[in-house]
Amino acid sequence: MKKRLFAALAAFLALGAALALPRLPARHDAAWPELAPGKVAALAVRGAGGSYALRAGDGGWTLSGTGLDGEWPADPEAVAGLVEFVNRNRPLGRVADPGPEHAGQDRGAELIINGTDRLELGAAGDGGGRRYARRGGSGVLLPGEYAQVLARPAAFYLDLRLLAADPGQVEAVTLTRGGEIVEMADRPGGPVFVRPGGLAGQPVSAEALGQWLREVVALRALGPAPSGGAGSAPVPDAPVPDAPVLLVELRLRGGGTRTLALYGAAQGPWMAVRSPGGAHFLLDPGQVAKVDRNAFSFADRRLAVLDPGAVDRLVLSASGQELRAERNGRRWRGQGVPGELTGIDMLLWRLTDLQYESGPLAAGAPGAREGLRMDLGLRGGARWEFVFHIDPGLPSGRCWVSVGGQPGLYRIPDQIYKDLKGLLPSAPKAGSNQSARTSRARSFAKGDAHGQNHC
């Protein structure tokens, strides 16, 4: 008898527990329709952060509402995130529609999708981890995160990008500062200068241009520009001075442009006006330097565009000292030097990455004198010549170099000059029976770069 009583009691408790647990909806629940991103054209939010509307148009998403005067561009990724949130966070359970008095829909938040699909969020249930809600006339329990998402202010969805473009789709860049214009365009052989005229056709550093583009498209404004005095509402078409301090234009492949006009301020943030759209934003003055560049910063300033693996002969000479080396397979051997010379390939790679800091100095430097000459022979007969000059008038750690017998000196960091000079044979020590060249070669083979052989 007791066994039957306990069994009946257990069954009753199990049934009660099952009824208390929320029933998870089927994935394709008709009462919780899937939101296809391409089919969502309008979203309206009312919550703790105010009321605002998001609308899709030909130029992208726009935002209007609390704290904004007129329509502003909306961040498409933030809007897509809201749609994705609703799709992923389905009801945790079904409840009988408790009505607004009990569930608090009249005091909660709501999201209206495409003007007719209404989601009303109400009071907390189960200690705050879930929220009563209604959608399409059905009562549901939703994850508590809905309260945080619908409490976001309109500013969360503002598109604060100053230049919305894919760097890989930019085919030309123009920067205008006063009467100075720097224009660069992509060509089959790489980017080149179009303007100024003195640089037309010369190569642009693809690395420097790519890095600049990535930094510029990553810039974000501080916020919308106010229309006037303190406390005034931001507007998308506030008046600006006649001419910008800097104008940036990106021309995209397949047509279309993106422009950014920057207007300076005596103090405080700069104004940035982006097009298309003409929206006005505030920019941290510290970020202006990321945008404002001159032609020199984009120039391909490599001294030698060569393949280090194609170099098979090297001659170094300075003050009567000389080293002649030839490549033998993967090894370098010096004339009259036993054993292998190591480190030459690494120095050649460093040479190809070396960029000059200023120049060319066509008139030469009065205090400069030759410190080292290097001749490189390449397979096929090509030849490169580098002449390094030391100059007491230069800042510490700098020297001059001329390339290919051409007039003009370029200023460079002098570490490579010191390392190359360190390859030269040192003078034999007094009383030593060992040749200086043999001593030097053995020392270098051990990995001593002899960077102490200074100017």
Protein backbone atom coordinates (compact mmCIF):
# COMPACT_ATOMS: atom_id res chain seq x y z
CA MET A 1 0.00 0.00 0.00
CA LYS A 2 2.80 2.42 0.99
CA LYS A 3 4.69 1.54 -2.18
CA ARG A 4 1.68 2.43 -4.34
CA LEU A 5 1.20 5.69 -2.38
CA PHE A 6 4.85 6.74 -2.84
CA ALA A 7 4.72 5.83 -6.54
CA ALA A 8 1.59 7.94 -7.05
CA LEU A 9 3.17 10.84 -5.16
CA ALA A 10 6.35 10.62 -7.26
CA ALA A 11 4.35 10.61 -10.49
CA PHE A 12 2.36 13.65 -9.32
CA LEU A 13 5.55 15.58 -8.46
CA ALA A 14 7.13 14.66 -11.79
CA LEU A 15 4.07 15.91 -13.65
CA GLY A 16 4.12 19.18 -11.69
CA ALA A 17 7.81 19.70 -12.44
CA ALA A 18 7.26 19.05 -16.13
CA LEU A 19 4.45 21.60 -16.26
CA ALA A 20 6.63 24.19 -14.45
CA LEU A 21 9.52 23.90 -16.94
CA PRO A 22 9.40 26.21 -20.01
CA ARG A 23 8.67 24.48 -23.27
CA LEU A 24 11.36 25.25 -25.86
CA PRO A 25 9.90 26.32 -29.19
CA ALA A 26 10.54 24.46 -32.40
CA ARG A 27 13.25 26.02 -34.56
CA HIS A 28 10.72 27.09 -37.18
CA ASP A 29 8.00 28.26 -34.80
CA ALA A 30 5.37 30.21 -36.70
CA ALA A 31 4.85 32.41 -33.63
CA TRP A 32 8.55 33.42 -33.73
CA PRO A 33 9.25 34.08 -37.41
CA GLU A 34 12.80 34.18 -38.71
CA LEU A 35 14.04 37.64 -39.70
CA ALA A 36 15.79 37.48 -43.05
CA PRO A 37 18.36 40.34 -42.96
CA GLY A 38 17.61 41.38 -46.54
CA LYS A 39 13.88 41.56 -45.80
CA VAL A 40 14.14 43.85 -42.76
CA ALA A 41 13.62 47.44 -43.93
CA ALA A 42 12.60 49.24 -40.72
CA LEU A 43 13.17 48.87 -36.99
CA ALA A 44 11.65 51.04 -34.26
CA VAL A 45 12.88 50.86 -30.67
CA ARG A 46 11.36 52.23 -27.48
CA GLY A 47 13.23 51.69 -24.25
CA ALA A 48 15.25 53.20 -21.42
CA GLY A 49 17.58 54.79 -23.97
CA GLY A 50 14.76 56.67 -25.71
CA SER A 51 12.79 56.13 -28.89
CA TYR A 52 14.36 55.95 -32.33
CA ALA A 53 13.86 54.48 -35.78
CA LEU A 54 16.22 52.69 -38.16
CA ARG A 55 15.33 52.64 -41.85
CA ALA A 56 16.99 51.00 -44.85
CA GLY A 57 17.38 53.02 -48.04
CA ASP A 58 19.41 53.11 -51.22
CA GLY A 59 22.30 54.78 -49.40
CA GLY A 60 22.23 52.37 -46.48
CA TRP A 61 20.63 52.51 -43.04
CA THR A 62 19.59 55.80 -41.44
CA LEU A 63 18.81 56.67 -37.84
CA SER A 64 16.47 59.25 -36.30
CA GLY A 65 15.03 59.78 -32.87
CA THR A 66 15.84 60.91 -29.33
CA GLY A 67 18.76 63.36 -29.20
CA LEU A 68 19.08 63.63 -32.97
CA ASP A 69 17.77 66.29 -35.32
CA GLY A 70 17.08 64.80 -38.72
CA GLU A 71 18.34 61.53 -40.13
CA TRP A 72 21.86 60.26 -39.55
CA PRO A 73 23.77 57.36 -41.10
CA ALA A 74 23.44 54.17 -39.09
CA ASP A 75 26.14 51.56 -38.61
CA PRO A 76 25.09 48.60 -40.80
CA GLU A 77 26.99 46.13 -38.62
CA ALA A 78 25.21 47.34 -35.47
CA VAL A 79 21.82 47.07 -37.19
CA ALA A 80 22.63 43.58 -38.47
CA GLY A 81 23.65 42.66 -34.92
CA LEU A 82 20.20 43.66 -33.61
CA VAL A 83 18.44 41.51 -36.22
CA GLU A 84 20.76 38.60 -35.51
CA PHE A 85 20.15 38.94 -31.76
CA VAL A 86 16.39 38.55 -32.22
CA ASN A 87 16.89 35.56 -34.51
CA ARG A 88 19.23 33.75 -32.14
CA ASN A 89 17.50 34.52 -28.84
CA ARG A 90 14.19 32.70 -29.19
CA PRO A 91 11.66 32.19 -26.39
CA LEU A 92 12.74 30.12 -23.40
CA GLY A 93 9.15 29.12 -22.81
CA ARG A 94 5.47 29.86 -23.47
CA VAL A 95 3.10 31.47 -21.03
CA ALA A 96 -0.54 32.40 -21.15
CA ASP A 97 -0.79 36.05 -22.12
CA PRO A 98 -0.68 37.69 -18.67
CA GLY A 99 -1.82 41.09 -19.94
CA PRO A 100 0.03 44.36 -19.61
CA GLU A 101 -1.00 44.92 -15.97
CA HIS A 102 0.69 41.75 -14.78
CA ALA A 103 3.59 41.49 -17.23
CA GLY A 104 4.38 45.21 -17.32
CA GLN A 105 4.41 45.63 -21.10
CA ASP A 106 3.06 49.12 -20.62
CA ARG A 107 6.18 50.06 -18.62
CA GLY A 108 8.73 48.04 -20.60
CA ALA A 109 10.32 48.30 -23.99
CA GLU A 110 9.31 47.37 -27.50
CA LEU A 111 10.77 46.60 -30.88
CA ILE A 112 8.68 47.01 -34.02
CA ILE A 113 9.95 45.25 -37.14
CA ASN A 114 8.85 46.43 -40.59
CA GLY A 115 6.08 48.49 -39.02
CA THR A 116 3.81 45.59 -38.05
CA ASP A 117 5.79 42.88 -36.24
CA ARG A 118 5.64 44.07 -32.61
CA LEU A 119 7.72 42.62 -29.76
CA GLU A 120 6.73 44.01 -26.34
CA LEU A 121 9.08 43.42 -23.43
CA GLY A 122 7.66 43.42 -19.94
CA ALA A 123 8.55 42.70 -16.34
CA ALA A 124 11.24 40.37 -15.10
CA GLY A 125 10.32 36.82 -14.28
CA ASP A 126 12.19 34.16 -12.37
CA GLY A 127 14.43 36.53 -10.44
CA GLY A 128 15.37 38.67 -13.43
CA GLY A 129 16.94 35.99 -15.59
CA ARG A 130 13.96 36.00 -17.95
CA ARG A 131 11.48 38.58 -19.20
CA TYR A 132 7.78 38.36 -19.91
CA ALA A 133 7.05 39.45 -23.46
CA ARG A 134 4.45 39.33 -26.21
CA ARG A 135 4.94 38.92 -29.92
CA GLY A 136 2.15 38.32 -32.38
CA GLY A 137 -0.37 37.91 -29.57
CA SER A 138 1.59 35.10 -27.88
CA GLY A 139 2.94 35.31 -24.34
CA VAL A 140 6.57 34.16 -24.01
CA LEU A 141 9.53 34.21 -21.68
CA LEU A 142 12.65 35.72 -23.26
CA PRO A 143 16.30 35.84 -22.14
CA GLY A 144 17.05 38.72 -19.79
CA GLU A 145 19.57 40.17 -22.28
CA TYR A 146 16.63 41.66 -24.20
CA ALA A 147 16.33 44.31 -21.50
CA GLN A 148 19.93 45.47 -22.08
CA VAL A 149 19.67 45.40 -25.87
CA LEU A 150 16.45 47.44 -26.04
CA ALA A 151 17.82 49.92 -23.47
CA ARG A 152 20.60 51.03 -25.83
CA PRO A 153 20.49 54.72 -26.79
CA ALA A 154 20.19 55.85 -30.39
CA ALA A 155 23.90 56.80 -30.41
CA PHE A 156 24.78 53.11 -30.23
CA TYR A 157 23.63 52.72 -33.84
CA LEU A 158 25.32 55.84 -35.23
CA ASP A 159 27.78 55.12 -38.03
CA LEU A 160 30.84 57.02 -36.81
CA ARG A 161 33.12 55.89 -39.61
CA LEU A 162 34.68 58.84 -41.39
CA LEU A 163 35.47 57.01 -44.62
CA ALA A 164 33.38 53.90 -45.19
CA ALA A 165 35.36 51.99 -47.81
CA ASP A 166 37.17 48.72 -48.38
CA PRO A 167 40.89 49.56 -48.78
CA GLY A 168 41.21 46.83 -51.39
CA GLN A 169 38.62 48.56 -53.59
CA VAL A 170 40.35 51.97 -53.63
CA GLU A 171 41.97 52.69 -57.00
CA ALA A 172 43.00 56.33 -56.50
CA VAL A 173 43.63 58.73 -53.61
CA THR A 174 43.75 62.54 -53.66
CA LEU A 175 44.76 64.72 -50.70
CA THR A 176 44.37 68.49 -50.99
CA ARG A 177 45.81 70.89 -48.42
CA GLY A 178 45.60 74.50 -49.54
CA GLY A 179 47.21 74.64 -52.97
CA GLU A 180 49.16 71.39 -52.50
CA ILE A 181 47.68 68.30 -54.12
CA VAL A 182 48.96 64.75 -53.77
CA GLU A 183 47.28 62.27 -56.10
CA MET A 184 48.12 58.58 -56.35
CA ALA A 185 46.60 55.93 -58.60
CA ASP A 186 46.89 52.18 -58.90
CA ARG A 187 48.62 50.86 -62.01
CA PRO A 188 49.40 47.31 -63.24
CA GLY A 189 52.94 47.62 -61.89
CA GLY A 190 51.86 49.13 -58.59
CA PRO A 191 50.70 52.53 -57.32
CA VAL A 192 52.33 55.67 -58.76
CA PHE A 193 52.11 59.42 -58.25
CA VAL A 194 49.89 61.42 -60.58
CA ARG A 195 50.45 64.75 -58.82
CA PRO A 196 52.47 66.79 -58.01
CA GLY A 197 53.90 67.04 -61.50
CA GLY A 198 57.48 66.62 -60.33
CA LEU A 199 56.66 63.13 -59.02
CA ALA A 200 54.31 62.04 -61.82
CA GLY A 201 54.94 58.41 -62.74
CA GLN A 202 57.26 57.73 -59.81
CA PRO A 203 56.46 54.70 -57.64
CA VAL A 204 54.42 54.94 -54.46
CA SER A 205 55.19 52.59 -51.59
CA ALA A 206 52.34 50.06 -51.70
CA GLU A 207 53.05 49.23 -48.06
CA ALA A 208 52.86 52.86 -46.91
CA LEU A 209 49.70 53.57 -48.93
CA GLY A 210 48.01 50.37 -47.72
CA GLN A 211 48.84 51.12 -44.09
CA TRP A 212 47.46 54.67 -44.43
CA LEU A 213 44.23 53.40 -46.01
CA ARG A 214 43.73 50.87 -43.22
CA GLU A 215 44.25 53.55 -40.57
CA VAL A 216 41.92 56.03 -42.27
CA VAL A 217 38.99 53.65 -42.73
CA ALA A 218 39.41 52.54 -39.11
CA LEU A 219 39.00 56.11 -37.80
CA ARG A 220 35.88 56.83 -35.78
CA ALA A 221 34.40 60.22 -34.95
CA LEU A 222 33.84 61.38 -31.39
CA GLY A 223 30.18 61.92 -32.23
CA PRO A 224 27.84 64.16 -34.22
CA ALA A 225 28.77 67.82 -34.61
CA PRO A 226 26.44 70.23 -32.73
CA SER A 227 24.65 72.90 -34.66
CA GLY A 228 25.58 75.73 -32.35
CA GLY A 229 26.12 76.47 -28.68
CA ALA A 230 26.30 74.14 -25.72
CA GLY A 231 23.40 71.80 -25.39
CA SER A 232 22.16 72.24 -28.93
CA ALA A 233 21.03 69.19 -30.84
CA PRO A 234 23.34 67.69 -33.45
CA VAL A 235 22.28 68.14 -37.04
CA PRO A 236 23.59 66.45 -40.17
CA ASP A 237 24.08 69.66 -42.16
CA ALA A 238 25.53 72.22 -39.74
CA PRO A 239 27.29 75.20 -41.40
CA VAL A 240 31.05 74.90 -41.91
CA PRO A 241 33.82 77.27 -43.10
CA ASP A 242 34.21 77.82 -46.83
CA ALA A 243 37.34 75.73 -47.39
CA PRO A 244 38.55 72.69 -45.45
CA VAL A 245 42.07 72.46 -44.05
CA LEU A 246 42.37 69.03 -45.65
CA LEU A 247 40.24 67.27 -48.26
CA VAL A 248 40.57 63.52 -48.82
CA GLU A 249 39.01 61.75 -51.81
CA LEU A 250 38.99 58.00 -52.39
CA ARG A 251 37.97 56.78 -55.85
CA LEU A 252 36.61 53.23 -55.83
CA ARG A 253 36.88 50.52 -58.44
CA GLY A 254 33.73 50.28 -60.52
CA GLY A 255 32.77 53.88 -59.76
CA GLY A 256 31.85 55.87 -56.72
CA THR A 257 33.86 58.11 -54.40
CA ARG A 258 34.21 58.71 -50.68
CA THR A 259 35.30 62.13 -49.45
CA LEU A 260 36.27 63.55 -46.09
CA ALA A 261 36.68 67.28 -45.43
CA LEU A 262 38.45 68.33 -42.22
CA TYR A 263 37.99 71.79 -40.70
CA GLY A 264 40.40 72.92 -37.99
CA ALA A 265 39.54 74.54 -34.69
CA ALA A 266 41.54 76.90 -32.48
CA GLN A 267 40.87 74.50 -29.64
CA GLY A 268 38.85 71.38 -29.12
CA PRO A 269 37.70 68.85 -31.72
CA TRP A 270 37.92 69.36 -35.45
CA MET A 271 34.86 69.13 -37.67
CA ALA A 272 34.75 66.32 -40.21
CA VAL A 273 32.25 66.25 -43.07
CA ARG A 274 31.93 63.01 -44.97
CA SER A 275 30.27 62.32 -48.29
CA PRO A 276 28.09 60.90 -49.66
CA GLY A 277 25.51 62.02 -47.15
CA GLY A 278 27.13 65.22 -45.93
CA ALA A 279 27.06 64.16 -42.27
CA HIS A 280 29.02 66.41 -39.87
CA PHE A 281 31.05 64.84 -37.05
CA LEU A 282 33.59 65.81 -34.42
CA LEU A 283 37.13 64.43 -34.70
CA ASP A 284 39.80 64.22 -32.02
CA PRO A 285 42.63 66.58 -33.12
CA GLY A 286 45.12 63.86 -32.19
CA GLN A 287 43.68 61.69 -34.97
CA VAL A 288 44.20 64.29 -37.70
CA ALA A 289 47.86 63.28 -38.14
CA LYS A 290 46.73 59.82 -39.24
CA VAL A 291 44.94 61.42 -42.18
CA ASP A 292 47.23 64.33 -43.04
CA ARG A 293 50.26 63.05 -45.00
CA ASN A 294 52.57 64.57 -47.59
CA ALA A 295 53.94 63.04 -50.78
CA PHE A 296 57.24 62.10 -49.14
CA SER A 297 55.49 59.82 -46.64
CA PHE A 298 54.01 57.80 -49.53
CA ALA A 299 57.11 57.68 -51.73
CA ASP A 300 58.81 54.37 -52.38
CA ARG A 301 62.04 55.26 -50.56
CA ARG A 302 63.83 51.97 -50.98
CA LEU A 303 67.40 52.50 -52.12
CA ALA A 304 67.71 49.19 -53.92
CA VAL A 305 64.97 47.15 -55.56
CA LEU A 306 66.86 43.93 -56.19
CA ASP A 307 66.71 40.22 -55.46
CA PRO A 308 69.37 39.38 -52.84
CA GLY A 309 69.50 35.82 -54.19
CA ALA A 310 70.61 37.14 -57.59
CA VAL A 311 73.72 38.81 -56.13
CA ASP A 312 76.76 36.60 -56.72
CA ARG A 313 79.68 39.03 -56.31
CA LEU A 314 80.50 41.63 -53.66
CA VAL A 315 83.41 44.06 -53.38
CA LEU A 316 83.92 46.28 -50.33
CA SER A 317 86.68 48.89 -50.18
CA ALA A 318 87.65 51.64 -47.75
CA SER A 319 90.95 53.36 -46.96
CA GLY A 320 93.06 50.75 -48.74
CA GLN A 321 91.21 47.78 -47.23
CA GLU A 322 89.31 45.50 -49.59
CA LEU A 323 87.18 42.40 -49.48
CA ARG A 324 86.20 40.47 -52.60
CA ALA A 325 83.62 37.73 -52.16
CA GLU A 326 81.75 35.41 -54.51
CA ARG A 327 78.76 33.20 -54.03
CA ASN A 328 79.41 29.50 -54.40
CA GLY A 329 76.02 27.83 -54.32
CA ARG A 330 74.55 28.87 -50.96
CA ARG A 331 77.89 29.91 -49.50
CA TRP A 332 80.02 33.00 -49.74
CA ARG A 333 83.79 32.74 -49.98
CA GLY A 334 86.30 35.56 -49.91
CA GLN A 335 89.40 35.75 -52.08
CA GLY A 336 92.39 34.79 -49.97
CA VAL A 337 90.13 34.03 -46.99
CA PRO A 338 89.89 30.42 -45.83
CA GLY A 339 86.48 29.07 -44.88
CA GLU A 340 83.00 30.43 -45.40
CA LEU A 341 81.91 34.04 -44.96
CA THR A 342 78.59 34.20 -43.10
CA GLY A 343 76.06 36.96 -42.70
CA ILE A 344 76.34 38.46 -46.19
CA ASP A 345 72.90 37.28 -47.31
CA MET A 346 71.32 38.83 -44.20
CA LEU A 347 73.02 42.16 -44.92
CA LEU A 348 71.75 42.05 -48.52
CA TRP A 349 68.19 41.48 -47.30
CA ARG A 350 68.54 44.43 -44.94
CA LEU A 351 69.80 46.52 -47.85
CA THR A 352 66.65 45.81 -49.88
CA ASP A 353 64.47 46.95 -46.94
CA LEU A 354 66.52 50.08 -46.26
CA GLN A 355 64.65 53.36 -46.84
CA TYR A 356 66.19 56.81 -46.95
CA GLU A 357 65.02 59.45 -44.48
CA SER A 358 65.64 62.48 -46.68
CA GLY A 359 67.11 63.38 -50.04
CA PRO A 360 68.39 63.37 -52.58
CA LEU A 361 70.74 66.21 -51.65
CA ALA A 362 71.74 67.25 -55.16
CA ALA A 363 74.40 69.80 -54.15
CA GLY A 364 76.18 67.34 -51.89
CA ALA A 365 77.18 67.89 -48.27
CA PRO A 366 80.24 70.10 -47.61
CA GLY A 367 81.40 68.06 -44.62
CA ALA A 368 80.82 64.61 -46.14
CA ARG A 369 83.68 62.28 -47.04
CA GLU A 370 83.66 58.79 -48.50
CA GLY A 371 83.73 56.07 -45.87
CA LEU A 372 82.96 52.89 -47.80
CA ARG A 373 82.31 51.75 -51.34
CA MET A 374 80.31 48.62 -52.18
CA ASP A 375 79.90 47.03 -55.61
CA LEU A 376 77.38 44.24 -56.16
CA GLY A 377 77.41 42.00 -59.23
CA LEU A 378 74.23 40.20 -60.25
CA ARG A 379 73.70 37.19 -62.42
CA GLY A 380 73.27 38.35 -66.01
CA GLY A 381 75.84 41.14 -65.68
CA ALA A 382 73.84 43.85 -63.88
CA ARG A 383 75.71 45.90 -61.30
CA TRP A 384 74.83 48.06 -58.31
CA GLU A 385 77.17 50.56 -56.66
CA PHE A 386 76.70 52.14 -53.23
CA VAL A 387 78.99 54.80 -51.78
CA PHE A 388 78.60 55.58 -48.08
CA HIS A 389 79.70 58.99 -46.76
CA ILE A 390 80.30 60.04 -43.17
CA ASP A 391 79.51 63.59 -42.12
CA PRO A 392 80.14 65.13 -38.68
CA GLY A 393 77.32 67.56 -39.42
CA LEU A 394 74.71 64.78 -39.39
CA PRO A 395 72.83 63.69 -36.25
CA SER A 396 74.32 60.75 -34.41
CA GLY A 397 73.57 57.39 -36.04
CA ARG A 398 73.16 58.80 -39.56
CA CYS A 399 75.24 58.82 -42.73
CA TRP A 400 74.87 59.62 -46.45
CA VAL A 401 74.74 57.18 -49.35
CA SER A 402 74.73 57.60 -53.12
CA VAL A 403 73.45 54.87 -55.43
CA GLY A 404 74.37 53.75 -58.93
CA GLY A 405 76.83 56.54 -59.62
CA GLN A 406 73.96 59.04 -59.71
CA PRO A 407 74.39 62.49 -58.17
CA GLY A 408 72.61 63.17 -54.93
CA LEU A 409 73.03 61.97 -51.37
CA TYR A 410 70.38 60.21 -49.31
CA ARG A 411 70.37 60.24 -45.53
CA ILE A 412 70.02 56.83 -43.90
CA PRO A 413 70.56 55.17 -40.51
CA ASP A 414 74.24 54.23 -40.40
CA GLN A 415 74.01 50.76 -38.82
CA ILE A 416 74.21 48.96 -42.15
CA TYR A 417 77.28 51.06 -43.05
CA LYS A 418 78.96 49.99 -39.81
CA ASP A 419 78.05 46.34 -40.33
CA LEU A 420 79.34 46.34 -43.92
CA LYS A 421 82.55 48.04 -42.89
CA GLY A 422 82.93 45.42 -40.21
CA LEU A 423 83.38 42.81 -42.96
CA LEU A 424 86.65 44.38 -44.08
CA PRO A 425 89.88 42.78 -42.90
CA SER A 426 91.34 44.42 -39.84
CA ALA A 427 94.98 45.36 -39.50
CA PRO A 428 97.20 42.53 -38.14
CA LYS A 429 98.31 42.79 -34.54
CA ALA A 430 101.96 43.49 -33.87
CA GLY A 431 103.99 40.30 -33.66
CA SER A 432 101.17 38.16 -35.03
CA ASN A 433 102.02 35.52 -37.62
CA GLN A 434 98.39 35.30 -38.66
CA SER A 435 97.21 37.36 -41.59
CA ALA A 436 94.67 40.04 -40.82
CA ARG A 437 92.33 38.67 -43.48
CA THR A 438 92.39 35.15 -42.00
CA SER A 439 91.82 36.52 -38.48
CA ARG A 440 88.91 38.63 -39.68
CA ALA A 441 87.27 35.82 -41.61
CA ARG A 442 87.41 33.42 -38.68
CA SER A 443 85.99 36.05 -36.34
CA PHE A 444 83.13 36.85 -38.74
CA ALA A 445 82.40 33.16 -39.24
CA LYS A 446 81.77 32.98 -35.50
CA GLY A 447 79.03 35.59 -35.90
CA ASP A 448 80.90 38.76 -34.86
CA ALA A 449 79.37 41.53 -36.97
CA HIS A 450 82.14 43.98 -35.90
CA GLY A 451 79.72 46.83 -35.49
CA GLN A 452 82.40 48.62 -33.39
CA ASN A 453 84.38 49.58 -36.49
CA HIS A 454 82.95 53.09 -36.46
CA CYS A 455 83.47 55.97 -38.79
